[in-house]
C-alpha atoms as a PDB file:
ATOM      1  CA  THR A   1      -3.879  -2.828   1.364  1.00  0.00           C
ATOM      2  CA  PHE A   2      -6.751  -3.777   3.411  1.00  0.00           C
ATOM      3  CA  ASP A   3      -9.655  -6.128   3.168  1.00  0.00           C
ATOM      4  CA  LEU A   4     -12.863  -4.600   1.907  1.00  0.00           C
ATOM      5  CA  SER A   5     -14.895  -7.509   3.640  1.00  0.00           C
ATOM      6  CA  GLN A   6     -17.529  -4.811   5.112  1.00  0.00           C
ATOM      7  CA  LEU A   7     -18.080  -3.287   1.552  1.00  0.00           C
ATOM      8  CA  THR A   8     -20.766  -0.646   1.583  1.00  0.00           C
ATOM      9  CA  LYS A   9     -22.826   0.923  -1.053  1.00  0.00           C
ATOM     10  CA  GLU A  10     -20.446   4.150  -1.113  1.00  0.00           C
ATOM     11  CA  ALA A  11     -16.930   1.173  -1.484  1.00  0.00           C
ATOM     12  CA  ALA A  12     -19.247  -0.142  -4.411  1.00  0.00           C
ATOM     13  CA  SER A  13     -19.987   3.064  -5.785  1.00  0.00           C
ATOM     14  CA  ALA A  14     -16.341   4.438  -5.720  1.00  0.00           C
ATOM     15  CA  PRO A  15     -15.046   6.320  -8.724  1.00  0.00           C
ATOM     16  CA  VAL A  16     -12.844   3.723 -10.947  1.00  0.00           C
ATOM     17  CA  GLY A  17      -9.249   4.032  -9.197  1.00  0.00           C
ATOM     18  CA  LEU A  18      -9.962   6.409  -6.279  1.00  0.00           C
ATOM     19  CA  ASN A  19     -11.349   4.017  -3.751  1.00  0.00           C
ATOM     20  CA  THR A  20     -10.665   5.777  -0.401  1.00  0.00           C
ATOM     21  CA  ILE A  21     -13.071   3.627   1.698  1.00  0.00           C
ATOM     22  CA  GLY A  22     -11.150   2.658   4.860  1.00  0.00           C
ATOM     23  CA  TRP A  23      -8.060   5.202   4.749  1.00  0.00           C
ATOM     24  CA  ASN A  24      -8.915   7.096   8.149  1.00  0.00           C
ATOM     25  CA  SER A  25      -6.747   9.547   9.762  1.00  0.00           C
ATOM     26  CA  SER A  26      -4.528   8.766  13.126  1.00  0.00           C
ATOM     27  CA  TYR A  27      -4.857  11.799  14.865  1.00  0.00           C
ATOM     28  CA  THR A  28      -9.219  12.574  13.879  1.00  0.00           C
ATOM     29  CA  ARG A  29     -10.041   8.774  13.414  1.00  0.00           C
ATOM     30  CA  GLN A  30     -12.041  10.248  10.106  1.00  0.00           C
ATOM     31  CA  PRO A  31     -12.035   9.435   6.441  1.00  0.00           C
ATOM     32  CA  ILE A  32      -8.897  11.283   4.928  1.00  0.00           C
ATOM     33  CA  PRO A  33      -9.810  14.117   2.702  1.00  0.00           C
ATOM     34  CA  VAL A  34     -10.560  12.837  -1.154  1.00  0.00           C
ATOM     35  CA  GLU A  35      -7.668  15.868  -2.236  1.00  0.00           C
ATOM     36  CA  GLU A  36      -5.383  14.588  -0.266  1.00  0.00           C
ATOM     37  CA  ILE A  37      -5.409  11.100  -0.759  1.00  0.00           C
ATOM     38  CA  ARG A  38      -6.006  12.310  -4.889  1.00  0.00           C
ATOM     39  CA  GLU A  39      -2.239  14.362  -4.262  1.00  0.00           C
ATOM     40  CA  TRP A  40      -0.429  11.408  -2.112  1.00  0.00           C
ATOM     41  CA  VAL A  41      -1.530   8.677  -5.643  1.00  0.00           C
ATOM     42  CA  GLU A  42      -0.478  11.300  -7.521  1.00  0.00           C
ATOM     43  CA  THR A  43       2.860  11.821  -6.472  1.00  0.00           C
ATOM     44  CA  THR A  44       3.561   8.044  -6.051  1.00  0.00           C
ATOM     45  CA  VAL A  45       2.350   7.409  -9.806  1.00  0.00           C
ATOM     46  CA  GLY A  46       4.826  10.365 -10.907  1.00  0.00           C
ATOM     47  CA  ASP A  47       7.619   8.534  -8.952  1.00  0.00           C
ATOM     48  CA  ILE A  48       7.053   5.065 -10.252  1.00  0.00           C
ATOM     49  CA  LEU A  49       6.673   6.532 -14.074  1.00  0.00           C
ATOM     50  CA  GLN A  50       9.943   7.976 -13.746  1.00  0.00           C
ATOM     51  CA  LEU A  51      11.030   4.432 -13.883  1.00  0.00           C
ATOM     52  CA  THR A  52       9.750   4.044 -17.087  1.00  0.00           C
ATOM     53  CA  PRO A  53       8.026   0.756 -16.326  1.00  0.00           C
ATOM     54  CA  LYS A  54       6.665  -1.822 -19.014  1.00  0.00           C
ATOM     55  CA  ALA A  55       6.272  -4.981 -17.078  1.00  0.00           C
ATOM     56  CA  VAL A  56       5.232  -4.536 -13.831  1.00  0.00           C
ATOM     57  CA  TYR A  57       4.494  -6.819 -11.091  1.00  0.00           C
ATOM     58  CA  GLU A  58       2.503  -4.553  -7.774  1.00  0.00           C
ATOM     59  CA  ILE A  59       2.466  -6.734  -4.679  1.00  0.00           C
ATOM     60  CA  GLY A  60      -0.784  -5.946  -2.613  1.00  0.00           C
ATOM     61  CA  CYS A  61      -2.315  -3.798  -5.508  1.00  0.00           C
ATOM     62  CA  GLY A  62      -5.636  -2.625  -3.498  1.00  0.00           C
ATOM     63  CA  THR A  63      -8.181  -1.292  -5.078  1.00  0.00           C
ATOM     64  CA  GLY A  64      -6.245  -0.511  -8.138  1.00  0.00           C
ATOM     65  CA  MET A  65      -5.236   3.770  -6.944  1.00  0.00           C
ATOM     66  CA  LEU A  66      -1.819   2.879  -8.737  1.00  0.00           C
ATOM     67  CA  LEU A  67      -2.621   0.391 -11.476  1.00  0.00           C
ATOM     68  CA  MET A  68      -5.235   2.474 -12.782  1.00  0.00           C
ATOM     69  CA  ARG A  69      -2.467   5.065 -13.479  1.00  0.00           C
ATOM     70  CA  ILE A  70       0.471   3.238 -14.048  1.00  0.00           C
ATOM     71  CA  ALA A  71      -1.133   0.306 -16.441  1.00  0.00           C
ATOM     72  CA  PRO A  72      -1.955   2.143 -19.979  1.00  0.00           C
ATOM     73  CA  VAL A  73       1.842   3.304 -20.463  1.00  0.00           C
ATOM     74  CA  CYS A  74       2.571  -0.630 -19.589  1.00  0.00           C
ATOM     75  CA  GLU A  75       2.741  -3.519 -21.989  1.00  0.00           C
ATOM     76  CA  ARG A  76       2.452  -5.840 -19.002  1.00  0.00           C
ATOM     77  CA  TYR A  77       1.133  -5.380 -15.394  1.00  0.00           C
ATOM     78  CA  VAL A  78       0.501  -8.055 -13.160  1.00  0.00           C
ATOM     79  CA  ALA A  79      -1.736  -7.057  -9.906  1.00  0.00           C
ATOM     80  CA  THR A  80      -1.740  -9.304  -6.742  1.00  0.00           C
ATOM     81  CA  ASP A  81      -3.526  -9.174  -3.347  1.00  0.00           C
ATOM     82  CA  PHE A  82      -4.548 -11.505  -0.608  1.00  0.00           C
ATOM     83  CA  SER A  83      -8.242 -10.565  -0.382  1.00  0.00           C
ATOM     84  CA  PRO A  84     -10.409 -12.195  -2.776  1.00  0.00           C
ATOM     85  CA  VAL A  85     -12.923  -9.101  -1.874  1.00  0.00           C
ATOM     86  CA  VAL A  86     -10.548  -6.264  -2.803  1.00  0.00           C
ATOM     87  CA  LEU A  87      -9.903  -7.957  -6.191  1.00  0.00           C
ATOM     88  CA  SER A  88     -13.760  -8.620  -7.170  1.00  0.00           C
ATOM     89  CA  ARG A  89     -13.565  -4.598  -6.483  1.00  0.00           C
ATOM     90  CA  LEU A  90     -10.580  -4.347  -9.173  1.00  0.00           C
ATOM     91  CA  ARG A  91     -12.566  -6.962 -11.517  1.00  0.00           C
ATOM     92  CA  GLU A  92     -15.383  -4.596 -11.372  1.00  0.00           C
ATOM     93  CA  GLN A  93     -13.239  -1.547 -12.077  1.00  0.00           C
ATOM     94  CA  LEU A  94     -11.281  -2.881 -14.716  1.00  0.00           C
ATOM     95  CA  ARG A  95     -14.496  -4.113 -16.653  1.00  0.00           C
ATOM     96  CA  THR A  96     -15.482  -0.478 -17.473  1.00  0.00           C
ATOM     97  CA  VAL A  97     -11.867   0.205 -19.085  1.00  0.00           C
ATOM     98  CA  PRO A  98     -11.196  -2.775 -20.783  1.00  0.00           C
ATOM     99  CA  ALA A  99      -8.402  -0.861 -22.518  1.00  0.00           C
ATOM    100  CA  VAL A 100      -6.485  -0.889 -19.514  1.00  0.00           C
ATOM    101  CA  ALA A 101      -7.700  -4.666 -18.546  1.00  0.00           C
ATOM    102  CA  GLU A 102      -6.293  -5.999 -21.359  1.00  0.00           C
ATOM    103  CA  ARG A 103      -2.569  -5.244 -19.723  1.00  0.00           C
ATOM    104  CA  ILE A 104      -3.324  -6.126 -16.133  1.00  0.00           C
ATOM    105  CA  GLU A 105      -3.525 -10.230 -14.825  1.00  0.00           C
ATOM    106  CA  ALA A 106      -5.171  -9.987 -11.334  1.00  0.00           C
ATOM    107  CA  MET A 107      -3.803 -12.566  -9.214  1.00  0.00           C
ATOM    108  CA  GLU A 108      -4.974 -13.498  -5.462  1.00  0.00           C
ATOM    109  CA  ARG A 109      -1.656 -14.869  -4.026  1.00  0.00           C
ATOM    110  CA  SER A 110       0.140 -13.686  -1.058  1.00  0.00           C
ATOM    111  CA  ALA A 111       2.952 -11.297  -0.892  1.00  0.00           C
ATOM    112  CA  ASP A 112       6.041 -14.045  -0.484  1.00  0.00           C
ATOM    113  CA  ASN A 113       4.189 -16.196  -3.011  1.00  0.00           C
ATOM    114  CA  PHE A 114       6.622 -15.780  -6.642  1.00  0.00           C
ATOM    115  CA  ASP A 115       5.521 -19.364  -7.630  1.00  0.00           C
ATOM    116  CA  GLY A 116       5.607 -19.950 -11.444  1.00  0.00           C
ATOM    117  CA  LEU A 117       7.446 -16.340 -12.108  1.00  0.00           C
ATOM    118  CA  ASP A 118      10.083 -16.444 -14.496  1.00  0.00           C
ATOM    119  CA  ASP A 119      13.725 -15.221 -12.729  1.00  0.00           C
ATOM    120  CA  ASN A 120      14.202 -11.520 -14.767  1.00  0.00           C
ATOM    121  CA  SER A 121      10.783 -11.512 -16.348  1.00  0.00           C
ATOM    122  CA  PHE A 122       9.892  -7.900 -14.803  1.00  0.00           C
ATOM    123  CA  ASP A 123      11.515  -4.705 -15.373  1.00  0.00           C
ATOM    124  CA  THR A 124       9.793  -2.983 -12.031  1.00  0.00           C
ATOM    125  CA  VAL A 125       8.263  -4.473  -8.941  1.00  0.00           C
ATOM    126  CA  VAL A 126       6.025  -2.251  -6.795  1.00  0.00           C
ATOM    127  CA  LEU A 127       5.553  -2.654  -2.873  1.00  0.00           C
ATOM    128  CA  ASN A 128       3.598   0.395  -1.740  1.00  0.00           C
ATOM    129  CA  SER A 129       1.901   1.240   1.242  1.00  0.00           C
ATOM    130  CA  VAL A 130       1.889  -2.602   2.277  1.00  0.00           C
ATOM    131  CA  ALA A 131       5.008  -3.463   4.132  1.00  0.00           C
ATOM    132  CA  GLN A 132       3.216  -2.325   7.109  1.00  0.00           C
ATOM    133  CA  CYS A 133       0.740  -5.422   6.936  1.00  0.00           C
ATOM    134  CA  PHE A 134       3.346  -7.972   6.795  1.00  0.00           C
ATOM    135  CA  PRO A 135       3.780 -10.016  10.383  1.00  0.00           C
ATOM    136  CA  SER A 136       7.603  -9.764  10.661  1.00  0.00           C
ATOM    137  CA  ILE A 137      10.741  -8.193   9.449  1.00  0.00           C
ATOM    138  CA  ALA A 138      11.528 -11.996   8.135  1.00  0.00           C
ATOM    139  CA  TYR A 139       8.704 -12.010   6.317  1.00  0.00           C
ATOM    140  CA  MET A 140       9.574  -8.721   4.797  1.00  0.00           C
ATOM    141  CA  THR A 141      13.205  -9.853   3.700  1.00  0.00           C
ATOM    142  CA  LYS A 142      11.540 -13.113   2.200  1.00  0.00           C
ATOM    143  CA  VAL A 143       9.567 -10.644   0.116  1.00  0.00           C
ATOM    144  CA  MET A 144      12.199  -8.557  -1.033  1.00  0.00           C
ATOM    145  CA  GLU A 145      14.354 -11.536  -2.073  1.00  0.00           C
ATOM    146  CA  GLY A 146      11.264 -12.558  -4.246  1.00  0.00           C
ATOM    147  CA  ALA A 147      11.724  -9.641  -5.623  1.00  0.00           C
ATOM    148  CA  VAL A 148      15.340  -9.064  -6.506  1.00  0.00           C
ATOM    149  CA  ARG A 149      14.569 -12.783  -8.171  1.00  0.00           C
ATOM    150  CA  ILE A 150      12.131 -11.499 -10.384  1.00  0.00           C
ATOM    151  CA  VAL A 151      13.072  -8.319 -11.238  1.00  0.00           C
ATOM    152  CA  LYS A 152      15.446  -7.643 -14.692  1.00  0.00           C
ATOM    153  CA  PRO A 153      19.233  -6.527 -14.584  1.00  0.00           C
ATOM    154  CA  GLY A 154      18.802  -3.243 -13.810  1.00  0.00           C
ATOM    155  CA  GLY A 155      15.310  -3.056 -13.253  1.00  0.00           C
ATOM    156  CA  HIS A 156      13.696  -1.400 -10.207  1.00  0.00           C
ATOM    157  CA  ILE A 157      11.944  -2.057  -7.498  1.00  0.00           C
ATOM    158  CA  PHE A 158       9.907   0.663  -5.431  1.00  0.00           C
ATOM    159  CA  VAL A 159       9.265   0.112  -1.426  1.00  0.00           C
ATOM    160  CA  GLY A 160       7.227   3.153  -0.686  1.00  0.00           C
ATOM    161  CA  ASP A 161       5.151   4.715   1.642  1.00  0.00           C
ATOM    162  CA  ASN A 162       6.663   3.055   4.777  1.00  0.00           C
ATOM    163  CA  ARG A 163       6.499   4.156   8.537  1.00  0.00           C
ATOM    164  CA  SER A 164       9.620   5.136  10.257  1.00  0.00           C
ATOM    165  CA  LEU A 165      10.881   2.937  12.861  1.00  0.00           C
ATOM    166  CA  PRO A 166      13.307   6.375  14.371  1.00  0.00           C
ATOM    167  CA  LEU A 167      10.580   8.743  13.986  1.00  0.00           C
ATOM    168  CA  LEU A 168       7.918   6.226  15.668  1.00  0.00           C
ATOM    169  CA  PRO A 169       8.147   8.077  19.021  1.00  0.00           C
ATOM    170  CA  ALA A 170       7.729  11.425  17.673  1.00  0.00           C
ATOM    171  CA  PHE A 171       4.425  10.348  15.853  1.00  0.00           C
ATOM    172  CA  GLU A 172       2.918   8.234  18.991  1.00  0.00           C
ATOM    173  CA  SER A 173       3.566  11.882  21.127  1.00  0.00           C
ATOM    174  CA  SER A 174       2.042  13.707  17.998  1.00  0.00           C
ATOM    175  CA  VAL A 175      -0.941  11.894  17.520  1.00  0.00           C
ATOM    176  CA  GLU A 176      -1.636  11.465  21.147  1.00  0.00           C
ATOM    177  CA  LEU A 177      -0.935  15.398  22.237  1.00  0.00           C
ATOM    178  CA  PHE A 178      -3.533  16.185  19.118  1.00  0.00           C
ATOM    179  CA  GLN A 179      -6.426  13.817  21.010  1.00  0.00           C
ATOM    180  CA  ALA A 180      -5.113  14.567  24.633  1.00  0.00           C
ATOM    181  CA  ALA A 181      -8.248  16.792  26.805  1.00  0.00           C
ATOM    182  CA  ASP A 182      -6.571  20.630  27.532  1.00  0.00           C
ATOM    183  CA  ASP A 183      -6.473  19.261  31.292  1.00  0.00           C
ATOM    184  CA  MET A 184      -4.287  15.760  30.636  1.00  0.00           C
ATOM    185  CA  SER A 185      -1.603  16.253  32.996  1.00  0.00           C
ATOM    186  CA  ALA A 186       1.764  15.773  32.000  1.00  0.00           C
ATOM    187  CA  GLY A 187       2.332  11.957  33.411  1.00  0.00           C
ATOM    188  CA  GLU A 188      -0.882  10.940  32.253  1.00  0.00           C
ATOM    189  CA  LEU A 189      -0.063  12.050  28.298  1.00  0.00           C
ATOM    190  CA  ARG A 190       3.395   9.930  29.040  1.00  0.00           C
ATOM    191  CA  ALA A 191       1.512   6.749  29.936  1.00  0.00           C
ATOM    192  CA  ARG A 192      -0.931   7.202  26.786  1.00  0.00           C
ATOM    193  CA  ILE A 193       2.123   7.638  24.462  1.00  0.00           C
ATOM    194  CA  ARG A 194       4.060   4.612  25.777  1.00  0.00           C
ATOM    195  CA  ARG A 195       0.759   2.694  25.934  1.00  0.00           C
ATOM    196  CA  ARG A 196      -0.351   3.306  22.240  1.00  0.00           C
ATOM    197  CA  GLU A 197       3.779   2.804  21.550  1.00  0.00           C
ATOM    198  CA  GLU A 198       3.319  -1.041  23.213  1.00  0.00           C
ATOM    199  CA  ARG A 199       0.221  -1.629  21.390  1.00  0.00           C
ATOM    200  CA  GLU A 200       1.912  -0.990  17.818  1.00  0.00           C
ATOM    201  CA  GLN A 201       0.967  -3.787  15.642  1.00  0.00           C
ATOM    202  CA  GLU A 202       2.112  -2.437  12.313  1.00  0.00           C
ATOM    203  CA  LEU A 203       5.759  -3.310  10.859  1.00  0.00           C
ATOM    204  CA  VAL A 204       7.812  -0.339  10.983  1.00  0.00           C
ATOM    205  CA  LEU A 205      11.221   0.257   9.330  1.00  0.00           C
ATOM    206  CA  SER A 206      13.960   1.682   9.663  1.00  0.00           C
ATOM    207  CA  PRO A 207      15.662   3.086   6.499  1.00  0.00           C
ATOM    208  CA  ALA A 208      19.112   1.869   7.536  1.00  0.00           C
ATOM    209  CA  TYR A 209      16.860  -1.938   6.573  1.00  0.00           C
END
C-alpha cells in the first residue's frame, strides 16, 4: 500500500475498487496500464477465493482493490492500513456499496499491531503487495507471528506479490538496460546497475524465508 496524501481529482474519481493512482512502471516511470493492473488484481483475487474465505483480516488494504472483490463472499472482513488518507478514500467507496460495507470493519493501524484481536479468530489473513514497505526482516517476522496467532487452525495466510531477492540483480539489470542510451558503455551500465542495487530501499524477500 502507499499513502495517497497527494490525492488528486483523478484519484478521487477513480472507479470503485480500482484506484490505480501511484502504480507506475519501474521501466518507463509511467502509470501502469489499467488493463494490466486489472489482470493482476483478478488473478490475486482468484487465488484468495480458492481458499474459501469467510472471516478475513487484510493487512495493508489500500483503497480496496482486493477487498471490494472478496468481501461480498465473506461474513466478516477486517481491513487495516496505516494511512488515514487511504482509509478515508476506502470509506468513501464503501458508502456507494452498502451491501458490502456492512461486512467490513476498516481500522487504522500498523501492520504489526494485532491488539484486541482474539487468537484463532480469522480463517484467512491477507498480506498482499505490502511487505516491500516494511522496514526490516525482523518487522516482517513480527507481522507473520501476529498473523499466525489470529488465524484459525486449518486457516490460511496469503502472502503475495513479493519481490524476489535472488532475482533482484537480474531485475535491476533489466531496468537499467531498458533505460540505457544506445551509446552507453558497458562500464557505465554496470556502474548504474550497482548504484541502483545500493539505493534499493524496499524489503526484498528470498523464497527461502
